[in-house]
Amino acid sequence: MFKDKLKNPEKCLFLVPMRPIKKFLFVTWTSTSDPEAIVPATIDESRYKVKDNYKITLKSLYDAFGSEHFYIRDLESLIKNGHVKFYKEIEK
């Protein structure tokens, strides 16, 4: 269902709650004690492909935030509930 709406995954934009990444030497992490920020994100198909209809990775457009992996069904629910905003077919 979701993959049918994504004709051009590279042109989709999401607003996703994410926590900032912390770095020390070669280690990166996020902390649940940090507040979430709503950041713009795009689909990253380097790990999961949208056409597989299994999982999807949303990568932040800001370097201070990383990426989040979602099961397709979970992401659909988050969009329906308004926790994630979905904008399709944007121009980069």
N, C-alpha and C. Protein backbone atom coordinates (compact mmCIF):
# COMPACT_ATOMS: atom_id res chain seq x y z
N MET A 1 0.82 -1.18 0.00
CA MET A 1 0.00 0.00 0.00
C MET A 1 0.86 1.25 0.00
N PHE A 2 1.80 1.37 0.94
CA PHE A 2 2.63 2.56 1.06
C PHE A 2 3.55 2.71 -0.15
N LYS A 3 4.14 1.60 -0.58
CA LYS A 3 5.08 1.69 -1.70
C LYS A 3 4.38 2.11 -2.99
N ASP A 4 3.08 1.86 -3.10
CA ASP A 4 2.34 2.28 -4.29
C ASP A 4 2.22 3.80 -4.37
N LYS A 5 2.24 4.46 -3.22
CA LYS A 5 2.16 5.92 -3.18
C LYS A 5 3.50 6.57 -3.50
N LEU A 6 4.57 5.81 -3.42
CA LEU A 6 5.91 6.36 -3.61
C LEU A 6 6.42 6.04 -5.01
N LYS A 7 6.02 6.83 -5.97
CA LYS A 7 6.48 6.62 -7.34
C LYS A 7 7.95 6.98 -7.48
N ASN A 8 8.36 8.06 -6.81
CA ASN A 8 9.75 8.52 -6.81
C ASN A 8 10.21 8.70 -5.37
N PRO A 9 10.68 7.63 -4.71
CA PRO A 9 11.07 7.74 -3.30
C PRO A 9 12.11 8.83 -3.04
N GLU A 10 12.97 9.09 -4.02
CA GLU A 10 14.01 10.10 -3.82
C GLU A 10 13.45 11.52 -3.77
N LYS A 11 12.19 11.70 -4.13
CA LYS A 11 11.57 13.03 -4.13
C LYS A 11 10.58 13.20 -2.98
N CYS A 12 10.60 12.31 -2.00
CA CYS A 12 9.68 12.39 -0.88
C CYS A 12 10.35 13.09 0.31
N LEU A 13 9.55 13.82 1.05
CA LEU A 13 10.04 14.51 2.24
C LEU A 13 9.13 14.16 3.41
N PHE A 14 9.74 13.90 4.55
CA PHE A 14 9.02 13.58 5.78
C PHE A 14 9.46 14.55 6.86
N LEU A 15 8.59 14.84 7.79
CA LEU A 15 8.95 15.54 9.02
C LEU A 15 8.85 14.52 10.13
N VAL A 16 9.99 14.22 10.75
CA VAL A 16 10.09 13.09 11.67
C VAL A 16 10.67 13.55 13.01
N PRO A 17 10.10 13.10 14.13
CA PRO A 17 10.73 13.39 15.42
C PRO A 17 12.01 12.56 15.57
N MET A 18 13.12 13.23 15.84
CA MET A 18 14.41 12.55 16.04
C MET A 18 15.17 13.23 17.17
N ARG A 19 16.07 12.48 17.75
CA ARG A 19 16.95 13.03 18.78
C ARG A 19 18.33 13.31 18.15
N PRO A 20 19.02 14.34 18.64
CA PRO A 20 20.33 14.66 18.06
C PRO A 20 21.36 13.56 18.37
N ILE A 21 22.33 13.47 17.48
CA ILE A 21 23.42 12.51 17.64
C ILE A 21 24.51 13.13 18.49
N LYS A 22 25.04 12.34 19.38
CA LYS A 22 26.20 12.75 20.17
C LYS A 22 27.39 11.95 19.67
N LYS A 23 28.56 12.60 19.65
CA LYS A 23 29.76 11.94 19.16
C LYS A 23 30.90 12.11 20.15
N PHE A 24 31.66 11.04 20.32
CA PHE A 24 32.89 11.09 21.09
C PHE A 24 33.86 10.14 20.43
N LEU A 25 34.95 10.67 19.95
CA LEU A 25 35.94 9.92 19.17
C LEU A 25 35.24 9.24 17.99
N PHE A 26 35.19 7.92 17.99
CA PHE A 26 34.60 7.20 16.86
C PHE A 26 33.24 6.59 17.20
N VAL A 27 32.67 7.00 18.33
CA VAL A 27 31.40 6.44 18.78
C VAL A 27 30.30 7.49 18.63
N THR A 28 29.17 7.08 18.08
CA THR A 28 28.01 7.97 17.99
C THR A 28 26.82 7.29 18.66
N TRP A 29 25.95 8.11 19.28
CA TRP A 29 24.78 7.57 19.95
C TRP A 29 23.72 8.67 20.10
N THR A 30 22.53 8.26 20.47
CA THR A 30 21.47 9.20 20.84
C THR A 30 21.05 8.88 22.27
N SER A 31 20.50 9.86 22.94
CA SER A 31 20.08 9.67 24.32
C SER A 31 18.59 9.94 24.45
N THR A 32 17.90 9.06 25.16
CA THR A 32 16.47 9.25 25.37
C THR A 32 16.19 10.44 26.29
N SER A 33 17.22 10.93 26.99
CA SER A 33 17.02 12.10 27.86
C SER A 33 17.00 13.40 27.05
N ASP A 34 17.48 13.36 25.81
CA ASP A 34 17.42 14.54 24.95
C ASP A 34 16.02 14.68 24.36
N PRO A 35 15.54 15.91 24.26
CA PRO A 35 14.20 16.09 23.66
C PRO A 35 14.24 15.81 22.16
N GLU A 36 13.12 15.33 21.64
CA GLU A 36 13.01 15.10 20.20
C GLU A 36 12.77 16.43 19.50
N ALA A 37 13.30 16.53 18.30
CA ALA A 37 13.06 17.69 17.44
C ALA A 37 12.41 17.17 16.15
N ILE A 38 11.57 17.97 15.56
CA ILE A 38 10.95 17.60 14.29
C ILE A 38 11.90 18.06 13.19
N VAL A 39 12.43 17.10 12.44
CA VAL A 39 13.42 17.41 11.40
C VAL A 39 12.97 16.87 10.05
N PRO A 40 13.35 17.55 8.96
CA PRO A 40 13.04 17.03 7.63
C PRO A 40 13.93 15.83 7.32
N ALA A 41 13.35 14.85 6.67
CA ALA A 41 14.09 13.63 6.34
C ALA A 41 13.66 13.11 4.98
N THR A 42 14.57 12.40 4.34
CA THR A 42 14.28 11.77 3.05
C THR A 42 14.53 10.26 3.17
N ILE A 43 14.07 9.54 2.18
CA ILE A 43 14.25 8.09 2.17
C ILE A 43 15.67 7.75 1.75
N ASP A 44 16.29 6.87 2.52
CA ASP A 44 17.63 6.37 2.23
C ASP A 44 17.49 4.88 1.90
N GLU A 45 17.73 4.50 0.66
CA GLU A 45 17.57 3.10 0.25
C GLU A 45 18.89 2.33 0.23
N SER A 46 19.89 2.80 0.95
CA SER A 46 21.16 2.08 0.97
C SER A 46 21.06 0.75 1.73
N ARG A 47 20.14 0.65 2.66
CA ARG A 47 19.98 -0.59 3.43
C ARG A 47 18.69 -1.33 3.07
N TYR A 48 17.58 -0.62 3.07
CA TYR A 48 16.28 -1.21 2.75
C TYR A 48 15.71 -0.54 1.51
N LYS A 49 15.11 -1.32 0.64
CA LYS A 49 14.48 -0.81 -0.59
C LYS A 49 12.98 -0.69 -0.38
N VAL A 50 12.41 0.41 -0.81
CA VAL A 50 10.97 0.64 -0.68
C VAL A 50 10.20 -0.46 -1.40
N LYS A 51 10.69 -0.88 -2.55
CA LYS A 51 9.98 -1.90 -3.35
C LYS A 51 9.85 -3.24 -2.61
N ASP A 52 10.71 -3.49 -1.61
CA ASP A 52 10.63 -4.74 -0.84
C ASP A 52 9.47 -4.73 0.15
N ASN A 53 8.95 -3.52 0.45
CA ASN A 53 7.78 -3.36 1.32
C ASN A 53 7.98 -4.00 2.69
N TYR A 54 9.20 -3.86 3.24
CA TYR A 54 9.53 -4.44 4.54
C TYR A 54 9.87 -3.35 5.55
N LYS A 55 10.98 -2.70 5.34
CA LYS A 55 11.42 -1.60 6.20
C LYS A 55 11.80 -0.41 5.34
N ILE A 56 11.89 0.75 6.00
CA ILE A 56 12.27 1.97 5.31
C ILE A 56 13.17 2.78 6.25
N THR A 57 14.16 3.43 5.69
CA THR A 57 15.05 4.28 6.46
C THR A 57 14.80 5.73 6.08
N LEU A 58 14.56 6.56 7.10
CA LEU A 58 14.42 7.99 6.88
C LEU A 58 15.65 8.67 7.45
N LYS A 59 16.37 9.37 6.58
CA LYS A 59 17.62 10.04 6.96
C LYS A 59 17.39 11.54 7.05
N SER A 60 17.84 12.11 8.15
CA SER A 60 17.67 13.54 8.37
C SER A 60 18.48 14.35 7.35
N LEU A 61 17.95 15.50 6.98
CA LEU A 61 18.68 16.41 6.10
C LEU A 61 19.74 17.19 6.87
N TYR A 62 19.66 17.15 8.20
CA TYR A 62 20.63 17.85 9.06
C TYR A 62 21.66 16.86 9.59
N ASP A 63 22.91 17.27 9.58
CA ASP A 63 24.00 16.39 10.04
C ASP A 63 23.93 16.09 11.54
N ALA A 64 23.30 16.96 12.30
CA ALA A 64 23.23 16.76 13.76
C ALA A 64 22.29 15.63 14.15
N PHE A 65 21.52 15.14 13.18
CA PHE A 65 20.59 14.04 13.43
C PHE A 65 20.95 12.90 12.48
N GLY A 66 20.63 11.71 12.85
CA GLY A 66 20.99 10.55 12.04
C GLY A 66 19.87 10.07 11.16
N SER A 67 19.51 8.82 11.35
CA SER A 67 18.43 8.22 10.58
C SER A 67 17.63 7.29 11.49
N GLU A 68 16.44 7.00 11.05
CA GLU A 68 15.54 6.11 11.79
C GLU A 68 15.05 5.02 10.83
N HIS A 69 14.99 3.80 11.32
CA HIS A 69 14.46 2.68 10.55
C HIS A 69 13.04 2.37 11.04
N PHE A 70 12.14 2.16 10.11
CA PHE A 70 10.76 1.85 10.45
C PHE A 70 10.30 0.65 9.64
N TYR A 71 9.45 -0.18 10.25
CA TYR A 71 8.70 -1.13 9.46
C TYR A 71 7.69 -0.32 8.67
N ILE A 72 7.39 -0.72 7.45
CA ILE A 72 6.47 0.03 6.60
C ILE A 72 5.14 0.23 7.29
N ARG A 73 4.58 -0.81 7.88
CA ARG A 73 3.27 -0.71 8.56
C ARG A 73 3.33 0.28 9.73
N ASP A 74 4.42 0.25 10.48
CA ASP A 74 4.55 1.18 11.60
C ASP A 74 4.61 2.63 11.11
N LEU A 75 5.35 2.87 10.04
CA LEU A 75 5.43 4.22 9.49
C LEU A 75 4.07 4.69 8.98
N GLU A 76 3.33 3.79 8.34
CA GLU A 76 1.98 4.14 7.89
C GLU A 76 1.11 4.57 9.08
N SER A 77 1.20 3.85 10.18
CA SER A 77 0.42 4.19 11.38
C SER A 77 0.86 5.54 11.95
N LEU A 78 2.16 5.79 11.98
CA LEU A 78 2.66 7.07 12.49
C LEU A 78 2.19 8.24 11.63
N ILE A 79 2.11 8.03 10.33
CA ILE A 79 1.61 9.08 9.44
C ILE A 79 0.12 9.30 9.67
N LYS A 80 -0.65 8.21 9.78
CA LYS A 80 -2.10 8.33 10.03
C LYS A 80 -2.39 9.04 11.34
N ASN A 81 -1.57 8.76 12.37
CA ASN A 81 -1.77 9.36 13.69
C ASN A 81 -1.20 10.77 13.79
N GLY A 82 -0.50 11.23 12.77
CA GLY A 82 0.05 12.58 12.77
C GLY A 82 1.40 12.74 13.44
N HIS A 83 2.02 11.65 13.85
CA HIS A 83 3.34 11.74 14.49
C HIS A 83 4.44 12.01 13.47
N VAL A 84 4.23 11.57 12.24
CA VAL A 84 5.16 11.82 11.13
C VAL A 84 4.35 12.48 10.02
N LYS A 85 4.90 13.54 9.46
CA LYS A 85 4.24 14.22 8.33
C LYS A 85 4.90 13.74 7.05
N PHE A 86 4.09 13.50 6.02
CA PHE A 86 4.59 12.97 4.77
C PHE A 86 4.24 13.93 3.63
N TYR A 87 5.26 14.36 2.92
CA TYR A 87 5.08 15.21 1.74
C TYR A 87 5.72 14.49 0.58
N LYS A 88 4.98 14.25 -0.48
CA LYS A 88 5.55 13.52 -1.60
C LYS A 88 5.82 14.42 -2.79
N GLU A 89 6.66 13.93 -3.66
CA GLU A 89 6.95 14.60 -4.92
C GLU A 89 7.44 16.05 -4.75
N ILE A 90 8.43 16.24 -3.90
CA ILE A 90 9.04 17.55 -3.77
C ILE A 90 10.18 17.68 -4.77
N GLU A 91 10.57 18.86 -5.10
CA GLU A 91 11.70 19.06 -5.97
C GLU A 91 12.93 19.33 -5.11
N LYS A 92 14.01 18.64 -5.42
CA LYS A 92 15.26 18.84 -4.68
C LYS A 92 16.11 19.86 -5.38
